[in-house]
Amino acid sequence: MPDVRFTHHAEARMRQRGFRNADIGLVLSVATRVADDAFFLSDKDAAREIERRRREIQQLERLRGTKVIVEGESLVTIYHYNGKAASADGRKRRSVS
């Protein structure tokens, strides 16, 4: 996304037209550049980004509860964590009777 600053005119138009600062960043990051000074968020751009986010949401749902153990720069293991069988450092806890 290009780093932009807002003119007084742009801020006034954004307020009048119901745009938020975050809207500008999103449009600039996914829209098609149609001229050196213009971007357009087409139906195709929007559909592509909606599908990408849909897949990302599905992936997050599938990975919910996953625990990753990293040591330094190395991935040691990855597993579905249920919160009962392991301690915070990833080692199995022994039952004490």
PDB file of N, CA and C in Angstrom:
ATOM      1  N   MET A   1       0.843  -1.180   0.000  1.00  0.00           N
ATOM      2  CA  MET A   1       0.000   0.000   0.000  1.00  0.00           C
ATOM      3  C   MET A   1       0.885   1.238   0.000  1.00  0.00           C
ATOM      4  N   PRO A   2       0.625   2.160  -0.892  1.00  0.00           N
ATOM      5  CA  PRO A   2       1.374   3.409  -0.861  1.00  0.00           C
ATOM      6  C   PRO A   2       1.089   4.168   0.426  1.00  0.00           C
ATOM      7  N   ASP A   3       2.124   4.825   0.938  1.00  0.00           N
ATOM      8  CA  ASP A   3       1.961   5.629   2.149  1.00  0.00           C
ATOM      9  C   ASP A   3       1.394   6.982   1.728  1.00  0.00           C
ATOM     10  N   VAL A   4       0.206   7.299   2.168  1.00  0.00           N
ATOM     11  CA  VAL A   4      -0.428   8.552   1.749  1.00  0.00           C
ATOM     12  C   VAL A   4      -0.773   9.396   2.960  1.00  0.00           C
ATOM     13  N   ARG A   5      -0.773  10.682   2.751  1.00  0.00           N
ATOM     14  CA  ARG A   5      -1.278  11.597   3.773  1.00  0.00           C
ATOM     15  C   ARG A   5      -2.538  12.229   3.205  1.00  0.00           C
ATOM     16  N   PHE A   6      -3.417  12.605   4.074  1.00  0.00           N
ATOM     17  CA  PHE A   6      -4.719  13.100   3.645  1.00  0.00           C
ATOM     18  C   PHE A   6      -4.713  14.631   3.593  1.00  0.00           C
ATOM     19  N   THR A   7      -5.163  15.176   2.472  1.00  0.00           N
ATOM     20  CA  THR A   7      -5.342  16.620   2.381  1.00  0.00           C
ATOM     21  C   THR A   7      -6.597  16.996   3.163  1.00  0.00           C
ATOM     22  N   HIS A   8      -6.759  18.281   3.430  1.00  0.00           N
ATOM     23  CA  HIS A   8      -7.981  18.745   4.108  1.00  0.00           C
ATOM     24  C   HIS A   8      -9.208  18.419   3.249  1.00  0.00           C
ATOM     25  N   HIS A   9      -9.054  18.577   1.944  1.00  0.00           N
ATOM     26  CA  HIS A   9     -10.150  18.261   1.021  1.00  0.00           C
ATOM     27  C   HIS A   9     -10.532  16.775   1.134  1.00  0.00           C
ATOM     28  N   ALA A  10      -9.526  15.892   1.126  1.00  0.00           N
ATOM     29  CA  ALA A  10      -9.800  14.452   1.216  1.00  0.00           C
ATOM     30  C   ALA A  10     -10.474  14.107   2.538  1.00  0.00           C
ATOM     31  N   GLU A  11      -9.997  14.674   3.638  1.00  0.00           N
ATOM     32  CA  GLU A  11     -10.619  14.403   4.948  1.00  0.00           C
ATOM     33  C   GLU A  11     -12.077  14.839   4.961  1.00  0.00           C
ATOM     34  N   ALA A  12     -12.357  16.006   4.382  1.00  0.00           N
ATOM     35  CA  ALA A  12     -13.741  16.495   4.331  1.00  0.00           C
ATOM     36  C   ALA A  12     -14.611  15.566   3.497  1.00  0.00           C
ATOM     37  N   ARG A  13     -14.118  15.135   2.329  1.00  0.00           N
ATOM     38  CA  ARG A  13     -14.898  14.249   1.470  1.00  0.00           C
ATOM     39  C   ARG A  13     -15.102  12.886   2.116  1.00  0.00           C
ATOM     40  N   MET A  14     -14.087  12.382   2.808  1.00  0.00           N
ATOM     41  CA  MET A  14     -14.234  11.099   3.499  1.00  0.00           C
ATOM     42  C   MET A  14     -15.344  11.182   4.538  1.00  0.00           C
ATOM     43  N   ARG A  15     -15.361  12.258   5.317  1.00  0.00           N
ATOM     44  CA  ARG A  15     -16.417  12.435   6.324  1.00  0.00           C
ATOM     45  C   ARG A  15     -17.786  12.522   5.660  1.00  0.00           C
ATOM     46  N   GLN A  16     -17.890  13.310   4.606  1.00  0.00           N
ATOM     47  CA  GLN A  16     -19.168  13.485   3.917  1.00  0.00           C
ATOM     48  C   GLN A  16     -19.683  12.185   3.316  1.00  0.00           C
ATOM     49  N   ARG A  17     -18.758  11.343   2.846  1.00  0.00           N
ATOM     50  CA  ARG A  17     -19.139  10.147   2.103  1.00  0.00           C
ATOM     51  C   ARG A  17     -19.068   8.866   2.915  1.00  0.00           C
ATOM     52  N   GLY A  18     -18.737   8.986   4.197  1.00  0.00           N
ATOM     53  CA  GLY A  18     -18.782   7.828   5.090  1.00  0.00           C
ATOM     54  C   GLY A  18     -17.600   6.881   4.986  1.00  0.00           C
ATOM     55  N   PHE A  19     -16.459   7.362   4.495  1.00  0.00           N
ATOM     56  CA  PHE A  19     -15.263   6.520   4.429  1.00  0.00           C
ATOM     57  C   PHE A  19     -14.433   6.682   5.686  1.00  0.00           C
ATOM     58  N   ARG A  20     -13.785   5.600   6.099  1.00  0.00           N
ATOM     59  CA  ARG A  20     -12.882   5.614   7.259  1.00  0.00           C
ATOM     60  C   ARG A  20     -11.446   5.529   6.763  1.00  0.00           C
ATOM     61  N   ASN A  21     -10.487   5.912   7.611  1.00  0.00           N
ATOM     62  CA  ASN A  21      -9.069   5.818   7.237  1.00  0.00           C
ATOM     63  C   ASN A  21      -8.702   4.393   6.835  1.00  0.00           C
ATOM     64  N   ALA A  22      -9.189   3.402   7.576  1.00  0.00           N
ATOM     65  CA  ALA A  22      -8.879   2.003   7.278  1.00  0.00           C
ATOM     66  C   ALA A  22      -9.418   1.589   5.911  1.00  0.00           C
ATOM     67  N   ASP A  23     -10.509   2.204   5.465  1.00  0.00           N
ATOM     68  CA  ASP A  23     -11.061   1.899   4.142  1.00  0.00           C
ATOM     69  C   ASP A  23     -10.056   2.253   3.049  1.00  0.00           C
ATOM     70  N   ILE A  24      -9.383   3.364   3.217  1.00  0.00           N
ATOM     71  CA  ILE A  24      -8.422   3.814   2.213  1.00  0.00           C
ATOM     72  C   ILE A  24      -7.273   2.815   2.116  1.00  0.00           C
ATOM     73  N   GLY A  25      -6.755   2.392   3.263  1.00  0.00           N
ATOM     74  CA  GLY A  25      -5.670   1.412   3.263  1.00  0.00           C
ATOM     75  C   GLY A  25      -6.061   0.112   2.587  1.00  0.00           C
ATOM     76  N   LEU A  26      -7.265  -0.363   2.861  1.00  0.00           N
ATOM     77  CA  LEU A  26      -7.726  -1.611   2.257  1.00  0.00           C
ATOM     78  C   LEU A  26      -7.859  -1.466   0.742  1.00  0.00           C
ATOM     79  N   VAL A  27      -8.494  -0.406   0.301  1.00  0.00           N
ATOM     80  CA  VAL A  27      -8.666  -0.206  -1.141  1.00  0.00           C
ATOM     81  C   VAL A  27      -7.302  -0.119  -1.825  1.00  0.00           C
ATOM     82  N   LEU A  28      -6.394   0.669  -1.261  1.00  0.00           N
ATOM     83  CA  LEU A  28      -5.076   0.822  -1.886  1.00  0.00           C
ATOM     84  C   LEU A  28      -4.292  -0.489  -1.920  1.00  0.00           C
ATOM     85  N   SER A  29      -4.543  -1.372  -0.955  1.00  0.00           N
ATOM     86  CA  SER A  29      -3.775  -2.616  -0.900  1.00  0.00           C
ATOM     87  C   SER A  29      -4.312  -3.708  -1.833  1.00  0.00           C
ATOM     88  N   VAL A  30      -5.582  -3.634  -2.247  1.00  0.00           N
ATOM     89  CA  VAL A  30      -6.144  -4.722  -3.058  1.00  0.00           C
ATOM     90  C   VAL A  30      -6.716  -4.280  -4.406  1.00  0.00           C
ATOM     91  N   ALA A  31      -6.878  -3.000  -4.601  1.00  0.00           N
ATOM     92  CA  ALA A  31      -7.491  -2.503  -5.831  1.00  0.00           C
ATOM     93  C   ALA A  31      -6.518  -2.546  -7.000  1.00  0.00           C
ATOM     94  N   THR A  32      -7.062  -2.394  -8.173  1.00  0.00           N
ATOM     95  CA  THR A  32      -6.278  -2.331  -9.400  1.00  0.00           C
ATOM     96  C   THR A  32      -5.868  -0.885  -9.662  1.00  0.00           C
ATOM     97  N   ARG A  33      -4.589  -0.697  -9.962  1.00  0.00           N
ATOM     98  CA  ARG A  33      -4.129   0.649 -10.328  1.00  0.00           C
ATOM     99  C   ARG A  33      -4.607   0.896 -11.755  1.00  0.00           C
ATOM    100  N   VAL A  34      -5.372   1.952 -11.959  1.00  0.00           N
ATOM    101  CA  VAL A  34      -5.919   2.255 -13.281  1.00  0.00           C
ATOM    102  C   VAL A  34      -5.228   3.446 -13.930  1.00  0.00           C
ATOM    103  N   ALA A  35      -4.409   4.137 -13.164  1.00  0.00           N
ATOM    104  CA  ALA A  35      -3.598   5.245 -13.671  1.00  0.00           C
ATOM    105  C   ALA A  35      -2.495   5.468 -12.657  1.00  0.00           C
ATOM    106  N   ASP A  36      -1.533   6.320 -12.995  1.00  0.00           N
ATOM    107  CA  ASP A  36      -0.447   6.587 -12.046  1.00  0.00           C
ATOM    108  C   ASP A  36      -0.970   7.126 -10.719  1.00  0.00           C
ATOM    109  N   ASP A  37      -2.113   7.805 -10.773  1.00  0.00           N
ATOM    110  CA  ASP A  37      -2.640   8.462  -9.576  1.00  0.00           C
ATOM    111  C   ASP A  37      -4.010   7.927  -9.153  1.00  0.00           C
ATOM    112  N   ALA A  38      -4.409   6.743  -9.646  1.00  0.00           N
ATOM    113  CA  ALA A  38      -5.773   6.280  -9.361  1.00  0.00           C
ATOM    114  C   ALA A  38      -5.825   4.765  -9.179  1.00  0.00           C
ATOM    115  N   PHE A  39      -6.674   4.356  -8.234  1.00  0.00           N
ATOM    116  CA  PHE A  39      -6.937   2.948  -7.948  1.00  0.00           C
ATOM    117  C   PHE A  39      -8.434   2.744  -8.027  1.00  0.00           C
ATOM    118  N   PHE A  40      -8.839   1.533  -8.484  1.00  0.00           N
ATOM    119  CA  PHE A  40     -10.253   1.211  -8.576  1.00  0.00           C
ATOM    120  C   PHE A  40     -10.476  -0.176  -8.017  1.00  0.00           C
ATOM    121  N   LEU A  41     -11.369  -0.286  -7.032  1.00  0.00           N
ATOM    122  CA  LEU A  41     -11.717  -1.580  -6.453  1.00  0.00           C
ATOM    123  C   LEU A  41     -12.871  -2.149  -7.262  1.00  0.00           C
ATOM    124  N   SER A  42     -12.540  -3.009  -8.195  1.00  0.00           N
ATOM    125  CA  SER A  42     -13.547  -3.588  -9.088  1.00  0.00           C
ATOM    126  C   SER A  42     -14.272  -4.740  -8.398  1.00  0.00           C
ATOM    127  N   ASP A  43     -15.349  -5.200  -9.025  1.00  0.00           N
ATOM    128  CA  ASP A  43     -16.053  -6.384  -8.529  1.00  0.00           C
ATOM    129  C   ASP A  43     -15.103  -7.574  -8.489  1.00  0.00           C
ATOM    130  N   LYS A  44     -14.255  -7.699  -9.512  1.00  0.00           N
ATOM    131  CA  LYS A  44     -13.294  -8.801  -9.579  1.00  0.00           C
ATOM    132  C   LYS A  44     -12.288  -8.725  -8.428  1.00  0.00           C
ATOM    133  N   ASP A  45     -11.788  -7.523  -8.141  1.00  0.00           N
ATOM    134  CA  ASP A  45     -10.862  -7.338  -7.013  1.00  0.00           C
ATOM    135  C   ASP A  45     -11.530  -7.737  -5.698  1.00  0.00           C
ATOM    136  N   ALA A  46     -12.750  -7.253  -5.501  1.00  0.00           N
ATOM    137  CA  ALA A  46     -13.478  -7.544  -4.263  1.00  0.00           C
ATOM    138  C   ALA A  46     -13.751  -9.043  -4.130  1.00  0.00           C
ATOM    139  N   ALA A  47     -14.191  -9.688  -5.214  1.00  0.00           N
ATOM    140  CA  ALA A  47     -14.481 -11.126  -5.173  1.00  0.00           C
ATOM    141  C   ALA A  47     -13.219 -11.922  -4.840  1.00  0.00           C
ATOM    142  N   ARG A  48     -12.092 -11.556  -5.433  1.00  0.00           N
ATOM    143  CA  ARG A  48     -10.826 -12.243  -5.167  1.00  0.00           C
ATOM    144  C   ARG A  48     -10.445 -12.133  -3.692  1.00  0.00           C
ATOM    145  N   GLU A  49     -10.555 -10.948  -3.136  1.00  0.00           N
ATOM    146  CA  GLU A  49     -10.180 -10.739  -1.738  1.00  0.00           C
ATOM    147  C   GLU A  49     -11.163 -11.385  -0.776  1.00  0.00           C
ATOM    148  N   ILE A  50     -12.435 -11.398  -1.114  1.00  0.00           N
ATOM    149  CA  ILE A  50     -13.439 -12.075  -0.283  1.00  0.00           C
ATOM    150  C   ILE A  50     -13.144 -13.565  -0.249  1.00  0.00           C
ATOM    151  N   GLU A  51     -12.844 -14.158  -1.405  1.00  0.00           N
ATOM    152  CA  GLU A  51     -12.534 -15.590  -1.460  1.00  0.00           C
ATOM    153  C   GLU A  51     -11.258 -15.902  -0.682  1.00  0.00           C
ATOM    154  N   ARG A  52     -10.247 -15.048  -0.813  1.00  0.00           N
ATOM    155  CA  ARG A  52      -8.993 -15.263  -0.078  1.00  0.00           C
ATOM    156  C   ARG A  52      -9.254 -15.244   1.424  1.00  0.00           C
ATOM    157  N   ARG A  53     -10.033 -14.305   1.874  1.00  0.00           N
ATOM    158  CA  ARG A  53     -10.345 -14.213   3.307  1.00  0.00           C
ATOM    159  C   ARG A  53     -11.245 -15.366   3.751  1.00  0.00           C
ATOM    160  N   ARG A  54     -12.146 -15.813   2.876  1.00  0.00           N
ATOM    161  CA  ARG A  54     -13.003 -16.968   3.201  1.00  0.00           C
ATOM    162  C   ARG A  54     -12.129 -18.200   3.449  1.00  0.00           C
ATOM    163  N   ARG A  55     -11.154 -18.419   2.570  1.00  0.00           N
ATOM    164  CA  ARG A  55     -10.232 -19.552   2.752  1.00  0.00           C
ATOM    165  C   ARG A  55      -9.415 -19.380   4.027  1.00  0.00           C
ATOM    166  N   GLU A  56      -9.005 -18.167   4.316  1.00  0.00           N
ATOM    167  CA  GLU A  56      -8.242 -17.902   5.534  1.00  0.00           C
ATOM    168  C   GLU A  56      -9.086 -18.182   6.777  1.00  0.00           C
ATOM    169  N   ILE A  57     -10.352 -17.813   6.755  1.00  0.00           N
ATOM    170  CA  ILE A  57     -11.259 -18.091   7.880  1.00  0.00           C
ATOM    171  C   ILE A  57     -11.427 -19.598   8.049  1.00  0.00           C
ATOM    172  N   GLN A  58     -11.617 -20.328   6.936  1.00  0.00           N
ATOM    173  CA  GLN A  58     -11.746 -21.789   7.015  1.00  0.00           C
ATOM    174  C   GLN A  58     -10.477 -22.411   7.598  1.00  0.00           C
ATOM    175  N   GLN A  59      -9.339 -21.891   7.204  1.00  0.00           N
ATOM    176  CA  GLN A  59      -8.069 -22.398   7.723  1.00  0.00           C
ATOM    177  C   GLN A  59      -7.962 -22.128   9.222  1.00  0.00           C
ATOM    178  N   LEU A  60      -8.347 -20.943   9.670  1.00  0.00           N
ATOM    179  CA  LEU A  60      -8.315 -20.636  11.099  1.00  0.00           C
ATOM    180  C   LEU A  60      -9.258 -21.539  11.887  1.00  0.00           C
ATOM    181  N   GLU A  61     -10.437 -21.810  11.332  1.00  0.00           N
ATOM    182  CA  GLU A  61     -11.376 -22.714  12.005  1.00  0.00           C
ATOM    183  C   GLU A  61     -10.781 -24.110  12.127  1.00  0.00           C
ATOM    184  N   ARG A  62     -10.124 -24.577  11.068  1.00  0.00           N
ATOM    185  CA  ARG A  62      -9.505 -25.896  11.082  1.00  0.00           C
ATOM    186  C   ARG A  62      -8.338 -25.955  12.066  1.00  0.00           C
ATOM    187  N   LEU A  63      -7.619 -24.863  12.216  1.00  0.00           N
ATOM    188  CA  LEU A  63      -6.424 -24.837  13.070  1.00  0.00           C
ATOM    189  C   LEU A  63      -6.706 -24.430  14.508  1.00  0.00           C
ATOM    190  N   ARG A  64      -7.942 -24.083  14.806  1.00  0.00           N
ATOM    191  CA  ARG A  64      -8.290 -23.679  16.177  1.00  0.00           C
ATOM    192  C   ARG A  64      -7.843 -24.757  17.152  1.00  0.00           C
ATOM    193  N   GLY A  65      -7.147 -24.363  18.215  1.00  0.00           N
ATOM    194  CA  GLY A  65      -6.678 -25.315  19.214  1.00  0.00           C
ATOM    195  C   GLY A  65      -5.319 -25.909  18.894  1.00  0.00           C
ATOM    196  N   THR A  66      -4.680 -25.437  17.847  1.00  0.00           N
ATOM    197  CA  THR A  66      -3.366 -25.957  17.479  1.00  0.00           C
ATOM    198  C   THR A  66      -2.288 -25.326  18.353  1.00  0.00           C
ATOM    199  N   LYS A  67      -1.345 -26.147  18.772  1.00  0.00           N
ATOM    200  CA  LYS A  67      -0.213 -25.649  19.546  1.00  0.00           C
ATOM    201  C   LYS A  67       1.062 -25.974  18.773  1.00  0.00           C
ATOM    202  N   VAL A  68       1.931 -24.983  18.647  1.00  0.00           N
ATOM    203  CA  VAL A  68       3.196 -25.132  17.938  1.00  0.00           C
ATOM    204  C   VAL A  68       4.314 -24.915  18.947  1.00  0.00           C
ATOM    205  N   ILE A  69       5.273 -25.854  18.988  1.00  0.00           N
ATOM    206  CA  ILE A  69       6.424 -25.728  19.880  1.00  0.00           C
ATOM    207  C   ILE A  69       7.640 -25.398  19.017  1.00  0.00           C
ATOM    208  N   VAL A  70       8.289 -24.283  19.368  1.00  0.00           N
ATOM    209  CA  VAL A  70       9.452 -23.810  18.633  1.00  0.00           C
ATOM    210  C   VAL A  70      10.614 -23.691  19.603  1.00  0.00           C
ATOM    211  N   GLU A  71      11.766 -24.164  19.164  1.00  0.00           N
ATOM    212  CA  GLU A  71      12.981 -24.038  19.963  1.00  0.00           C
ATOM    213  C   GLU A  71      14.006 -23.311  19.105  1.00  0.00           C
ATOM    214  N   GLY A  72      14.341 -22.086  19.495  1.00  0.00           N
ATOM    215  CA  GLY A  72      15.223 -21.280  18.661  1.00  0.00           C
ATOM    216  C   GLY A  72      14.554 -21.013  17.329  1.00  0.00           C
ATOM    217  N   GLU A  73      15.204 -21.423  16.255  1.00  0.00           N
ATOM    218  CA  GLU A  73      14.662 -21.250  14.916  1.00  0.00           C
ATOM    219  C   GLU A  73      14.006 -22.519  14.388  1.00  0.00           C
ATOM    220  N   SER A  74      13.891 -23.559  15.225  1.00  0.00           N
ATOM    221  CA  SER A  74      13.390 -24.859  14.759  1.00  0.00           C
ATOM    222  C   SER A  74      11.992 -25.153  15.269  1.00  0.00           C
ATOM    223  N   LEU A  75      11.153 -25.649  14.366  1.00  0.00           N
ATOM    224  CA  LEU A  75       9.843 -26.161  14.745  1.00  0.00           C
ATOM    225  C   LEU A  75      10.074 -27.545  15.337  1.00  0.00           C
ATOM    226  N   VAL A  76       9.683 -27.740  16.594  1.00  0.00           N
ATOM    227  CA  VAL A  76       9.885 -29.019  17.269  1.00  0.00           C
ATOM    228  C   VAL A  76       8.705 -29.931  17.011  1.00  0.00           C
ATOM    229  N   THR A  77       7.486 -29.417  17.214  1.00  0.00           N
ATOM    230  CA  THR A  77       6.291 -30.224  16.974  1.00  0.00           C
ATOM    231  C   THR A  77       5.080 -29.323  16.844  1.00  0.00           C
ATOM    232  N   ILE A  78       4.011 -29.903  16.360  1.00  0.00           N
ATOM    233  CA  ILE A  78       2.732 -29.215  16.233  1.00  0.00           C
ATOM    234  C   ILE A  78       1.646 -30.235  16.528  1.00  0.00           C
ATOM    235  N   TYR A  79       0.630 -29.836  17.266  1.00  0.00           N
ATOM    236  CA  TYR A  79      -0.463 -30.764  17.584  1.00  0.00           C
ATOM    237  C   TYR A  79      -1.709 -30.005  17.982  1.00  0.00           C
ATOM    238  N   HIS A  80      -2.818 -30.736  17.988  1.00  0.00           N
ATOM    239  CA  HIS A  80      -4.078 -30.175  18.468  1.00  0.00           C
ATOM    240  C   HIS A  80      -4.056 -30.255  19.983  1.00  0.00           C
ATOM    241  N   TYR A  81      -4.159 -29.115  20.621  1.00  0.00           N
ATOM    242  CA  TYR A  81      -4.045 -29.005  22.075  1.00  0.00           C
ATOM    243  C   TYR A  81      -5.430 -28.902  22.680  1.00  0.00           C
ATOM    244  N   ASN A  82      -5.717 -29.781  23.631  1.00  0.00           N
ATOM    245  CA  ASN A  82      -7.036 -29.725  24.269  1.00  0.00           C
ATOM    246  C   ASN A  82      -7.004 -29.049  25.626  1.00  0.00           C
ATOM    247  N   GLY A  83      -5.826 -28.628  26.076  1.00  0.00           N
ATOM    248  CA  GLY A  83      -5.721 -27.875  27.317  1.00  0.00           C
ATOM    249  C   GLY A  83      -5.603 -28.715  28.562  1.00  0.00           C
ATOM    250  N   LYS A  84      -5.625 -30.041  28.447  1.00  0.00           N
ATOM    251  CA  LYS A  84      -5.615 -30.892  29.629  1.00  0.00           C
ATOM    252  C   LYS A  84      -4.368 -31.750  29.730  1.00  0.00           C
ATOM    253  N   ALA A  85      -3.811 -32.150  28.611  1.00  0.00           N
ATOM    254  CA  ALA A  85      -2.781 -33.175  28.637  1.00  0.00           C
ATOM    255  C   ALA A  85      -1.357 -32.649  28.748  1.00  0.00           C
ATOM    256  N   ALA A  86      -1.145 -31.365  28.564  1.00  0.00           N
ATOM    257  CA  ALA A  86       0.225 -30.865  28.552  1.00  0.00           C
ATOM    258  C   ALA A  86       0.336 -29.584  29.369  1.00  0.00           C
ATOM    259  N   SER A  87       1.539 -29.301  29.818  1.00  0.00           N
ATOM    260  CA  SER A  87       1.796 -28.063  30.548  1.00  0.00           C
ATOM    261  C   SER A  87       2.043 -26.945  29.546  1.00  0.00           C
ATOM    262  N   ALA A  88       2.269 -25.747  30.036  1.00  0.00           N
ATOM    263  CA  ALA A  88       2.468 -24.592  29.167  1.00  0.00           C
ATOM    264  C   ALA A  88       3.696 -24.730  28.291  1.00  0.00           C
ATOM    265  N   ASP A  89       4.696 -25.498  28.723  1.00  0.00           N
ATOM    266  CA  ASP A  89       5.906 -25.633  27.902  1.00  0.00           C
ATOM    267  C   ASP A  89       5.806 -26.805  26.919  1.00  0.00           C
ATOM    268  N   GLY A  90       4.648 -27.471  26.868  1.00  0.00           N
ATOM    269  CA  GLY A  90       4.443 -28.521  25.886  1.00  0.00           C
ATOM    270  C   GLY A  90       4.770 -29.914  26.361  1.00  0.00           C
ATOM    271  N   ARG A  91       5.299 -30.056  27.599  1.00  0.00           N
ATOM    272  CA  ARG A  91       5.634 -31.384  28.107  1.00  0.00           C
ATOM    273  C   ARG A  91       4.427 -31.989  28.798  1.00  0.00           C
ATOM    274  N   LYS A  92       4.327 -33.309  28.717  1.00  0.00           N
ATOM    275  CA  LYS A  92       3.226 -34.029  29.370  1.00  0.00           C
ATOM    276  C   LYS A  92       3.346 -33.866  30.883  1.00  0.00           C
ATOM    277  N   ARG A  93       2.204 -33.676  31.521  1.00  0.00           N
ATOM    278  CA  ARG A  93       2.167 -33.614  32.967  1.00  0.00           C
ATOM    279  C   ARG A  93       1.897 -35.002  33.519  1.00  0.00           C
ATOM    280  N   ARG A  94       2.519 -35.301  34.633  1.00  0.00           N
ATOM    281  CA  ARG A  94       2.223 -36.573  35.312  1.00  0.00           C
ATOM    282  C   ARG A  94       1.138 -36.372  36.320  1.00  0.00           C
ATOM    283  N   SER A  95       0.270 -37.347  36.436  1.00  0.00           N
ATOM    284  CA  SER A  95      -0.754 -37.290  37.483  1.00  0.00           C
ATOM    285  C   SER A  95      -0.094 -37.610  38.814  1.00  0.00           C
ATOM    286  N   VAL A  96      -0.444 -36.813  39.782  1.00  0.00           N
ATOM    287  CA  VAL A  96       0.054 -37.056  41.140  1.00  0.00           C
ATOM    288  C   VAL A  96      -1.136 -37.508  41.968  1.00  0.00           C
ATOM    289  N   SER A  97      -1.054 -38.761  42.522  1.00  0.00           N
ATOM    290  CA  SER A  97      -2.168 -39.285  43.294  1.00  0.00           C
ATOM    291  C   SER A  97      -1.861 -39.262  44.758  1.00  0.00           C
TER     292      SER A  97
END
